[in-house]
Amino acid sequence: MKCEHCTRKECSKKTKTDDQENVSGGAPSPAQAKEEKGEFHKLADAKIYLSDCLACDSCITPEEGVQLSQQNAKDFFHVLHLNKKCDVSKHRVLVVSVCPQSLPYFAAKFNLNVSDASRRLCGFLKSLGVHYVFDTAIAADFSILESQREFVHRYHQHSKEQRALPMLTSACPGWVRYAERVLGCPVTPHLCTAKSPQQVMGSLVKDYFAGQKNLPPEKIFHVVVAPCYDKKLEALRDSFSTASYSTRGTDCVLTSGEVAQLMEQRGPSVKDAAVDSLFGDTKEAVVRRHDGAGSDGHLAHVFKHAAKELFDEDVEEITYHALRNKDFQEVTLEKNGEVVLRFAAAYGFHNIQNIILKLKKDKFPYHFVEVLACPRGCLNGRGQAQTEDGHADKALLRQMESLYSAIPVWAPERSAHVEELYREWLEGSDSPRVQEVLHTTHQSVEACASTPDMKW
């Protein structure tokens, strides 16, 4: 079975529903699984809809296939089940982190505003036995701030001899896998090294929050609710180490659709609850987002920061100019009649093909590109906004976009909690610990040697 836009003669991609026969022997027995399911008798198996084949180039190994088969509600309920047993040595603190792009889906699904949807989701999760529910907005703060600093550094380092630009965002796991395992070294040096919001959230929960609660990281089971199935793939590489431990930052990813299915089975009799704070604040946090139509806002925030830092220009509003289509847009900054910054947003596989072709031909006009696998951005993730037959639900997507645009925008530079974490958790914004915790390295392969049948 090949992807719609596949460029390879052969394909090792898994089918949409993974074969559960290959799951390791550590899986629960049928009797135990039945007990754990309880009233949730229609749990969805792990599915990977590899968005426009951006992650299909032999990227799912047999070992990863086994791990992906466990990235579903069964694993989640297994931990809930163990927490109800008398053997406290097997108990784990359940933490769920919710992506901002998932909230409009729940709001549209249950006919609520975004704030009420957040409370409803939190109340549902706590009714199951989840101990803490966080949002990932603060993790996106760190990802954006580190991307800003990296872009300015690359801009100063760029020359004909040292091609530090363009910088390509690395927050989309489908795109990153495609770049690493298909495109290789012509592209991977241009990937931003700042970790994605999901990866940063893993560090916040398993390192900072665990320390605040005096818990070893392995005693925390961290679940992320996300709009995209490729986030399950990202969780497989989402790990970090210190001198005393090594752990995976995210233990399980559930898509918005998978969680909504569980909520529908549970029924409406759930008491709403406020989202928790990593800092123990008693005041309920306001739902917020970053400046991006359907993304975490890397383009907008990096552009504003670069305009000020490099050219002393204050940019209040960003004007997007659609080029080939609505998913390929350009943003420019002019000074003294000259374009000094040229950014772009490229969403969807066809637009990604075009920018890579320009990059390989050394005819690339952009300093920075926000790259996302899904057309129209993260709101259109395959884990939500889909009809039962797997096609995009355009009416639902329009409703979600309207709900998302109404969420207040928050600049990461304004967060006092972020400043506090840089100071107390990361030992300063320029410390070696920042590089260790908030940055990553990208694998590189020789695309010309490993994928001779790629067509561009």
Protein backbone atom coordinates (compact mmCIF):
# COMPACT_ATOMS: atom_id res chain seq x y z
CA MET A 1 0.00 0.00 0.00
CA LYS A 2 1.59 3.27 -1.14
CA CYS A 3 0.87 6.85 -0.15
CA GLU A 4 -1.02 9.10 -2.53
CA HIS A 5 2.00 11.18 -3.49
CA CYS A 6 4.65 8.48 -3.03
CA THR A 7 7.85 8.99 -5.01
CA ARG A 8 9.35 5.57 -4.32
CA LYS A 9 9.04 2.34 -6.30
CA GLU A 10 8.63 0.31 -3.14
CA CYS A 11 7.09 1.18 0.19
CA SER A 12 7.60 -0.23 3.66
CA LYS A 13 4.93 1.92 5.26
CA LYS A 14 2.57 0.36 7.73
CA THR A 15 -1.09 0.19 6.81
CA LYS A 16 -3.51 2.48 8.62
CA THR A 17 -4.40 -0.14 11.22
CA ASP A 18 -1.33 -1.83 12.62
CA ASP A 19 -1.28 -5.58 13.09
CA GLN A 20 -1.44 -6.18 16.83
CA GLU A 21 0.07 -9.66 16.57
CA ASN A 22 3.57 -8.23 16.74
CA VAL A 23 3.05 -6.49 20.06
CA SER A 24 5.65 -7.56 22.60
CA GLY A 25 4.93 -10.12 25.27
CA GLY A 26 4.65 -7.43 27.92
CA ALA A 27 1.19 -6.51 26.69
CA PRO A 28 -1.77 -7.10 29.05
CA SER A 29 -3.55 -10.45 28.85
CA PRO A 30 -7.03 -10.55 27.24
CA ALA A 31 -8.68 -10.84 30.66
CA GLN A 32 -6.66 -7.97 32.07
CA ALA A 33 -7.29 -5.86 29.00
CA LYS A 34 -11.04 -6.46 29.32
CA GLU A 35 -10.96 -5.37 32.95
CA GLU A 36 -8.98 -2.24 32.10
CA LYS A 37 -11.32 -1.20 29.29
CA GLY A 38 -14.39 -1.15 31.52
CA GLU A 39 -17.08 0.95 29.91
CA PHE A 40 -14.68 2.12 27.17
CA HIS A 41 -15.22 -0.92 25.00
CA LYS A 42 -14.38 0.65 21.63
CA LEU A 43 -10.83 1.79 22.12
CA ALA A 44 -9.17 2.84 18.90
CA ASP A 45 -6.01 0.99 17.94
CA ALA A 46 -2.96 3.10 17.21
CA LYS A 47 -3.13 4.47 13.69
CA ILE A 48 -0.58 6.43 11.75
CA TYR A 49 -1.96 8.42 8.85
CA LEU A 50 1.37 9.47 7.44
CA SER A 51 0.46 12.88 6.14
CA ASP A 52 1.11 12.92 2.38
CA CYS A 53 3.88 10.27 2.82
CA LEU A 54 6.11 12.70 4.67
CA ALA A 55 7.27 9.94 7.00
CA CYS A 56 7.13 6.81 4.87
CA ASP A 57 10.66 6.32 3.57
CA SER A 58 11.39 3.11 5.49
CA CYS A 59 11.07 5.18 8.63
CA ILE A 60 8.97 2.77 10.66
CA THR A 61 11.20 -0.08 11.72
CA PRO A 62 9.71 -3.30 13.18
CA GLU A 63 10.71 -2.11 16.65
CA GLU A 64 9.01 1.24 16.08
CA GLY A 65 5.96 -0.58 14.77
CA VAL A 66 5.63 -2.40 18.09
CA GLN A 67 6.05 0.84 20.01
CA LEU A 68 3.52 2.63 17.82
CA SER A 69 0.99 -0.14 18.39
CA GLN A 70 1.14 0.77 22.08
CA GLN A 71 0.60 4.49 21.44
CA ASN A 72 -3.12 4.39 22.16
CA ALA A 73 -5.73 4.43 24.89
CA LYS A 74 -5.03 0.81 25.85
CA ASP A 75 -1.63 1.76 27.26
CA PHE A 76 -3.19 4.76 28.99
CA PHE A 77 -5.89 2.65 30.66
CA HIS A 78 -3.33 0.04 31.63
CA VAL A 79 -1.62 2.66 33.83
CA LEU A 80 -4.98 3.80 35.21
CA HIS A 81 -5.76 0.19 36.07
CA LEU A 82 -2.45 -0.33 37.89
CA ASN A 83 -3.04 2.84 39.90
CA LYS A 84 -6.22 1.28 41.34
CA LYS A 85 -4.36 -1.80 42.60
CA CYS A 86 -2.94 -2.16 46.10
CA ASP A 87 0.68 -2.50 44.95
CA VAL A 88 1.75 1.13 45.30
CA SER A 89 5.19 0.32 43.87
CA LYS A 90 3.50 0.14 40.45
CA HIS A 91 1.53 3.36 40.85
CA ARG A 92 2.47 6.25 38.59
CA VAL A 93 1.52 9.92 38.54
CA LEU A 94 -0.57 10.52 35.42
CA VAL A 95 0.07 13.82 33.66
CA VAL A 96 -1.73 14.90 30.49
CA SER A 97 -0.56 17.84 28.36
CA VAL A 98 -2.98 19.31 25.81
CA CYS A 99 -1.90 21.10 22.62
CA PRO A 100 -3.68 24.44 21.97
CA GLN A 101 -4.60 23.28 18.44
CA SER A 102 -6.66 20.44 19.95
CA LEU A 103 -8.96 22.68 21.99
CA PRO A 104 -10.94 24.14 19.03
CA TYR A 105 -11.75 20.57 17.99
CA PHE A 106 -13.27 19.77 21.38
CA ALA A 107 -15.08 23.12 21.39
CA ALA A 108 -16.63 22.45 17.98
CA LYS A 109 -17.34 18.81 18.80
CA PHE A 110 -19.27 19.59 21.98
CA ASN A 111 -20.64 23.01 20.99
CA LEU A 112 -18.66 24.96 23.58
CA ASN A 113 -16.34 27.94 23.57
CA VAL A 114 -12.64 27.12 23.85
CA SER A 115 -12.33 27.94 27.57
CA ASP A 116 -15.32 25.77 28.47
CA ALA A 117 -14.02 23.00 26.22
CA SER A 118 -10.71 23.13 28.10
CA ARG A 119 -12.54 22.75 31.44
CA ARG A 120 -14.72 19.94 30.09
CA LEU A 121 -11.71 18.03 28.78
CA CYS A 122 -9.82 18.53 32.04
CA GLY A 123 -12.82 17.37 34.07
CA PHE A 124 -13.16 14.26 31.93
CA LEU A 125 -9.49 13.33 32.28
CA LYS A 126 -9.55 13.85 36.05
CA SER A 127 -12.70 11.72 36.32
CA LEU A 128 -10.67 8.86 34.84
CA GLY A 129 -7.90 9.20 37.40
CA VAL A 130 -5.48 11.66 35.78
CA HIS A 131 -3.66 13.67 38.45
CA TYR A 132 -2.55 16.74 36.50
CA VAL A 133 -3.65 18.36 33.23
CA PHE A 134 -1.43 21.03 31.65
CA ASP A 135 -1.48 22.93 28.39
CA THR A 136 1.60 23.02 26.19
CA ALA A 137 1.58 26.79 25.54
CA ILE A 138 4.54 27.37 27.86
CA ALA A 139 6.51 24.68 26.01
CA ALA A 140 5.81 26.53 22.75
CA ASP A 141 7.12 29.69 24.46
CA PHE A 142 10.50 28.04 24.90
CA SER A 143 10.52 26.56 21.40
CA ILE A 144 9.78 29.96 19.86
CA LEU A 145 12.26 31.90 22.00
CA GLU A 146 15.07 29.48 21.20
CA SER A 147 14.13 29.60 17.50
CA GLN A 148 14.34 33.39 17.61
CA ARG A 149 17.83 33.33 19.09
CA GLU A 150 19.00 30.68 16.67
CA PHE A 151 17.76 32.60 13.64
CA VAL A 152 19.56 35.79 14.66
CA HIS A 153 22.72 33.77 15.26
CA ARG A 154 22.42 32.08 11.85
CA TYR A 155 21.78 35.43 10.16
CA HIS A 156 25.04 36.83 11.56
CA GLN A 157 26.96 33.66 10.67
CA HIS A 158 25.62 33.33 7.12
CA SER A 159 28.01 33.84 4.22
CA LYS A 160 28.82 32.32 0.83
CA GLU A 161 31.33 30.07 2.54
CA GLN A 162 29.07 29.18 5.48
CA ARG A 163 25.47 28.66 4.38
CA ALA A 164 23.68 29.06 7.70
CA LEU A 165 20.45 30.18 6.03
CA PRO A 166 17.69 29.47 5.28
CA MET A 167 16.46 28.21 8.63
CA LEU A 168 13.63 25.69 8.36
CA THR A 169 11.34 25.06 11.31
CA SER A 170 11.47 21.69 13.05
CA ALA A 171 8.24 21.63 15.09
CA CYS A 172 6.37 19.34 12.67
CA PRO A 173 7.40 15.68 13.22
CA GLY A 174 6.21 14.47 9.80
CA TRP A 175 8.32 17.07 8.04
CA VAL A 176 11.36 16.41 10.26
CA ARG A 177 11.25 12.67 9.60
CA TYR A 178 10.97 13.28 5.89
CA ALA A 179 13.91 15.70 5.97
CA GLU A 180 16.09 13.36 8.00
CA ARG A 181 15.35 10.02 6.36
CA VAL A 182 14.62 11.03 2.77
CA LEU A 183 16.27 14.36 1.98
CA GLY A 184 19.33 14.05 4.19
CA CYS A 185 22.37 16.30 4.39
CA PRO A 186 21.38 18.91 1.78
CA VAL A 187 18.46 19.85 4.06
CA THR A 188 19.09 18.76 7.65
CA PRO A 189 21.76 21.43 8.38
CA HIS A 190 19.03 24.00 7.75
CA LEU A 191 16.62 22.51 10.30
CA CYS A 192 16.23 24.59 13.44
CA THR A 193 17.78 22.81 16.42
CA ALA A 194 15.23 24.13 18.92
CA LYS A 195 13.07 21.31 20.23
CA SER A 196 9.40 21.15 19.31
CA PRO A 197 6.76 22.12 21.90
CA GLN A 198 6.00 18.44 22.56
CA GLN A 199 9.67 17.67 23.20
CA VAL A 200 10.06 20.69 25.48
CA MET A 201 6.91 19.70 27.36
CA GLY A 202 8.44 16.29 27.98
CA SER A 203 11.42 17.94 29.63
CA LEU A 204 9.22 20.27 31.66
CA VAL A 205 7.12 17.39 33.00
CA LYS A 206 9.81 14.74 33.50
CA ASP A 207 12.55 17.09 34.72
CA TYR A 208 11.22 20.36 36.14
CA PHE A 209 7.82 19.20 37.41
CA ALA A 210 9.21 15.90 38.69
CA GLY A 211 11.80 17.84 40.66
CA GLN A 212 9.15 20.13 42.14
CA LYS A 213 7.19 17.08 43.33
CA ASN A 214 10.29 15.13 44.44
CA LEU A 215 9.44 12.33 42.02
CA PRO A 216 11.79 10.22 39.93
CA PRO A 217 10.91 10.77 36.25
CA GLU A 218 10.00 7.11 35.72
CA LYS A 219 7.18 7.47 38.27
CA ILE A 220 5.41 9.90 35.92
CA PHE A 221 3.38 8.67 32.95
CA HIS A 222 3.13 11.59 30.53
CA VAL A 223 0.39 11.67 27.90
CA VAL A 224 0.09 14.33 25.17
CA VAL A 225 -3.22 15.12 23.46
CA ALA A 226 -2.40 16.33 19.96
CA PRO A 227 -4.13 16.94 16.60
CA CYS A 228 -1.67 14.84 14.61
CA TYR A 229 -0.85 11.12 14.35
CA ASP A 230 2.76 11.96 13.49
CA LYS A 231 3.13 13.17 17.09
CA LYS A 232 3.10 9.49 18.02
CA LEU A 233 6.20 9.05 15.87
CA GLU A 234 7.80 12.05 17.55
CA ALA A 235 7.26 10.49 20.98
CA LEU A 236 9.52 7.59 19.99
CA ARG A 237 12.53 9.92 19.73
CA ASP A 238 11.43 12.24 22.53
CA SER A 239 13.96 11.33 25.20
CA PHE A 240 16.50 13.13 27.31
CA SER A 241 19.23 12.13 29.74
CA THR A 242 21.02 13.52 32.75
CA ALA A 243 23.80 12.17 34.92
CA SER A 244 21.27 10.28 37.03
CA TYR A 245 18.58 9.07 34.64
CA SER A 246 17.44 8.57 31.08
CA THR A 247 13.76 8.61 30.20
CA ARG A 248 11.28 9.29 27.42
CA GLY A 249 9.71 12.71 27.76
CA THR A 250 6.33 11.60 26.36
CA ASP A 251 5.13 8.10 27.16
CA CYS A 252 1.97 8.15 25.06
CA VAL A 253 0.27 10.37 22.49
CA LEU A 254 -3.49 10.36 22.01
CA THR A 255 -5.04 12.29 19.15
CA SER A 256 -7.92 14.66 19.76
CA GLY A 257 -10.20 12.26 17.91
CA GLU A 258 -9.21 9.33 20.11
CA VAL A 259 -9.94 11.32 23.28
CA ALA A 260 -13.25 12.62 21.89
CA GLN A 261 -14.27 9.02 21.22
CA LEU A 262 -13.65 8.18 24.87
CA MET A 263 -15.58 11.26 26.01
CA GLU A 264 -18.58 10.27 23.91
CA GLN A 265 -18.56 6.79 25.42
CA ARG A 266 -18.38 8.24 28.92
CA GLY A 267 -21.40 10.50 28.44
CA PRO A 268 -22.11 14.09 29.52
CA SER A 269 -22.14 13.58 33.31
CA VAL A 270 -18.65 14.98 33.93
CA LYS A 271 -17.84 17.85 36.27
CA ASP A 272 -15.71 20.53 34.65
CA ALA A 273 -12.29 21.27 36.15
CA ALA A 274 -9.63 23.94 35.71
CA VAL A 275 -6.35 23.16 33.96
CA ASP A 276 -3.43 22.81 36.36
CA SER A 277 -0.34 25.00 36.51
CA LEU A 278 3.21 23.70 36.47
CA PHE A 279 3.91 26.28 39.17
CA GLY A 280 1.12 25.39 41.58
CA ASP A 281 -0.81 28.62 40.95
CA THR A 282 -4.31 28.62 42.42
CA LYS A 283 -5.62 31.10 39.84
CA GLU A 284 -7.03 29.44 36.73
CA ALA A 285 -4.80 29.99 33.71
CA VAL A 286 -6.32 31.74 30.70
CA VAL A 287 -6.33 29.72 27.48
CA ARG A 288 -3.88 31.36 25.10
CA ARG A 289 -2.15 30.75 21.81
CA HIS A 290 0.67 32.16 19.73
CA ASP A 291 0.47 34.32 16.63
CA GLY A 292 -0.20 31.78 13.90
CA ALA A 293 -3.34 30.94 11.93
CA GLY A 294 -3.08 27.19 12.47
CA SER A 295 0.39 26.61 13.90
CA ASP A 296 2.46 27.32 17.00
CA GLY A 297 3.41 30.68 15.51
CA HIS A 298 7.12 30.26 14.87
CA LEU A 299 7.08 32.35 11.67
CA ALA A 300 5.27 35.34 13.15
CA HIS A 301 7.26 35.50 16.37
CA VAL A 302 10.65 34.89 14.77
CA PHE A 303 9.89 37.52 12.11
CA LYS A 304 8.96 40.19 14.67
CA HIS A 305 11.99 39.40 16.80
CA ALA A 306 14.38 39.45 13.84
CA ALA A 307 12.96 42.74 12.55
CA LYS A 308 13.62 44.38 15.90
CA GLU A 309 16.92 42.69 16.72
CA LEU A 310 18.53 43.02 13.29
CA PHE A 311 16.96 46.17 11.84
CA ASP A 312 15.44 48.00 14.83
CA GLU A 313 11.99 47.77 13.23
CA ASP A 314 8.87 47.25 15.36
CA VAL A 315 6.37 45.04 13.54
CA GLU A 316 2.91 45.03 15.11
CA GLU A 317 0.89 43.26 12.42
CA ILE A 318 2.20 40.76 9.88
CA THR A 319 0.89 40.84 6.31
CA TYR A 320 0.87 37.52 4.50
CA HIS A 321 0.97 37.39 0.70
CA ALA A 322 -0.35 34.19 -0.87
CA LEU A 323 1.86 32.98 -3.74
CA ARG A 324 1.18 29.66 -5.50
CA ASN A 325 -1.77 28.86 -3.23
CA LYS A 326 -3.20 29.72 0.19
CA ASP A 327 -0.79 27.25 1.83
CA PHE A 328 2.29 28.98 0.45
CA GLN A 329 2.56 32.52 1.80
CA GLU A 330 5.31 35.09 2.02
CA VAL A 331 6.16 37.77 4.57
CA THR A 332 8.73 40.48 3.87
CA LEU A 333 10.35 43.39 5.66
CA GLU A 334 11.51 46.36 3.62
CA LYS A 335 13.92 49.06 4.71
CA ASN A 336 15.01 51.97 2.54
CA GLY A 337 13.26 50.40 -0.43
CA GLU A 338 15.09 47.08 -0.08
CA VAL A 339 13.73 43.73 1.12
CA VAL A 340 15.89 42.82 4.10
CA LEU A 341 13.89 39.86 5.43
CA ARG A 342 11.93 37.35 3.39
CA PHE A 343 10.03 34.62 5.27
CA ALA A 344 7.60 32.02 3.99
CA ALA A 345 5.05 29.51 5.25
CA ALA A 346 4.91 26.23 3.30
CA TYR A 347 2.15 23.83 4.31
CA GLY A 348 1.44 20.49 2.63
CA PHE A 349 3.58 18.12 0.60
CA HIS A 350 3.36 19.87 -2.77
CA ASN A 351 4.61 23.15 -1.33
CA ILE A 352 7.36 21.35 0.56
CA GLN A 353 8.50 19.74 -2.70
CA ASN A 354 8.74 23.17 -4.30
CA ILE A 355 10.86 24.74 -1.57
CA ILE A 356 13.23 21.75 -1.47
CA LEU A 357 13.66 21.90 -5.23
CA LYS A 358 14.61 25.58 -4.98
CA LEU A 359 16.97 24.85 -2.10
CA LYS A 360 18.75 22.07 -4.04
CA LYS A 361 19.13 24.33 -7.08
CA ASP A 362 20.56 27.10 -4.87
CA LYS A 363 17.75 29.41 -5.97
CA PHE A 364 16.23 29.89 -2.56
CA PRO A 365 15.10 33.46 -1.82
CA TYR A 366 13.99 32.96 1.80
CA HIS A 367 15.77 33.48 5.09
CA PHE A 368 13.25 31.42 7.06
CA VAL A 369 10.46 28.96 6.24
CA GLU A 370 7.79 27.60 8.56
CA VAL A 371 7.21 24.06 7.25
CA LEU A 372 4.18 21.96 8.19
CA ALA A 373 3.13 18.65 6.69
CA CYS A 374 -0.61 19.28 6.85
CA PRO A 375 -2.31 21.70 4.46
CA ARG A 376 -3.79 24.63 6.41
CA GLY A 377 -1.58 23.82 9.38
CA CYS A 378 -1.90 21.88 12.61
CA LEU A 379 -5.63 22.45 13.03
CA ASN A 380 -6.02 20.20 10.00
CA GLY A 381 -4.07 17.38 11.64
CA ARG A 382 -5.16 13.88 10.66
CA GLY A 383 -6.10 13.12 14.27
CA GLN A 384 -8.98 15.59 14.10
CA ALA A 385 -11.11 17.43 11.53
CA GLN A 386 -11.58 14.21 9.57
CA THR A 387 -14.75 12.57 8.31
CA GLU A 388 -15.39 8.89 9.01
CA ASP A 389 -14.03 7.96 5.58
CA GLY A 390 -10.73 9.76 6.31
CA HIS A 391 -11.26 12.94 4.29
CA ALA A 392 -10.91 16.47 5.62
CA ASP A 393 -14.10 17.81 7.22
CA LYS A 394 -14.00 21.27 5.68
CA ALA A 395 -17.00 22.63 7.57
CA LEU A 396 -15.57 21.49 10.89
CA LEU A 397 -12.16 22.90 9.97
CA ARG A 398 -13.65 26.33 9.21
CA GLN A 399 -15.41 26.28 12.57
CA MET A 400 -12.18 25.30 14.32
CA GLU A 401 -10.24 28.07 12.58
CA SER A 402 -12.80 30.61 13.74
CA LEU A 403 -12.61 29.33 17.32
CA TYR A 404 -8.81 29.28 17.27
CA SER A 405 -8.53 32.84 15.94
CA ALA A 406 -10.63 34.06 18.89
CA ILE A 407 -8.14 32.72 21.47
CA PRO A 408 -6.02 35.56 22.91
CA VAL A 409 -2.51 35.79 21.43
CA TRP A 410 0.35 35.88 23.92
CA ALA A 411 3.93 36.82 23.13
CA PRO A 412 6.40 34.40 24.75
CA GLU A 413 8.64 37.30 25.80
CA ARG A 414 5.90 38.47 28.18
CA SER A 415 5.83 35.32 30.30
CA ALA A 416 7.17 35.83 33.82
CA HIS A 417 7.09 32.06 34.34
CA VAL A 418 9.38 31.55 31.35
CA GLU A 419 11.86 34.06 32.76
CA GLU A 420 11.70 32.26 36.10
CA LEU A 421 12.35 28.89 34.47
CA TYR A 422 15.30 30.19 32.48
CA ARG A 423 16.77 31.51 35.71
CA GLU A 424 15.99 28.73 38.18
CA TRP A 425 15.62 25.59 36.07
CA LEU A 426 17.99 26.24 33.19
CA GLU A 427 20.62 28.31 35.02
CA GLY A 428 20.31 31.30 32.69
CA SER A 429 19.29 31.84 29.08
CA ASP A 430 22.85 31.34 27.76
CA SER A 431 23.85 28.38 29.92
CA PRO A 432 25.03 24.98 28.60
CA ARG A 433 21.92 23.51 30.19
CA VAL A 434 19.73 25.43 27.74
CA GLN A 435 21.49 23.71 24.86
CA GLU A 436 21.12 20.34 26.58
CA VAL A 437 17.42 20.64 27.47
CA LEU A 438 15.92 22.85 24.74
CA HIS A 439 17.91 21.85 21.64
CA THR A 440 18.40 18.66 19.67
CA THR A 441 20.46 17.32 16.78
CA HIS A 442 19.06 16.04 13.50
CA GLN A 443 20.06 12.82 11.81
CA SER A 444 21.43 13.02 8.31
CA VAL A 445 21.52 10.56 5.45
CA GLU A 446 22.82 10.86 1.91
CA ALA A 447 19.60 11.24 -0.06
CA CYS A 448 21.30 10.70 -3.43
CA ALA A 449 22.68 7.34 -2.26
CA SER A 450 19.66 6.02 -0.37
CA THR A 451 16.80 7.30 -2.51
CA PRO A 452 17.90 7.23 -6.17
CA ASP A 453 14.31 7.10 -7.40
CA MET A 454 13.19 10.37 -5.81
CA LYS A 455 11.51 12.63 -8.36
CA TRP A 456 11.61 16.40 -7.89
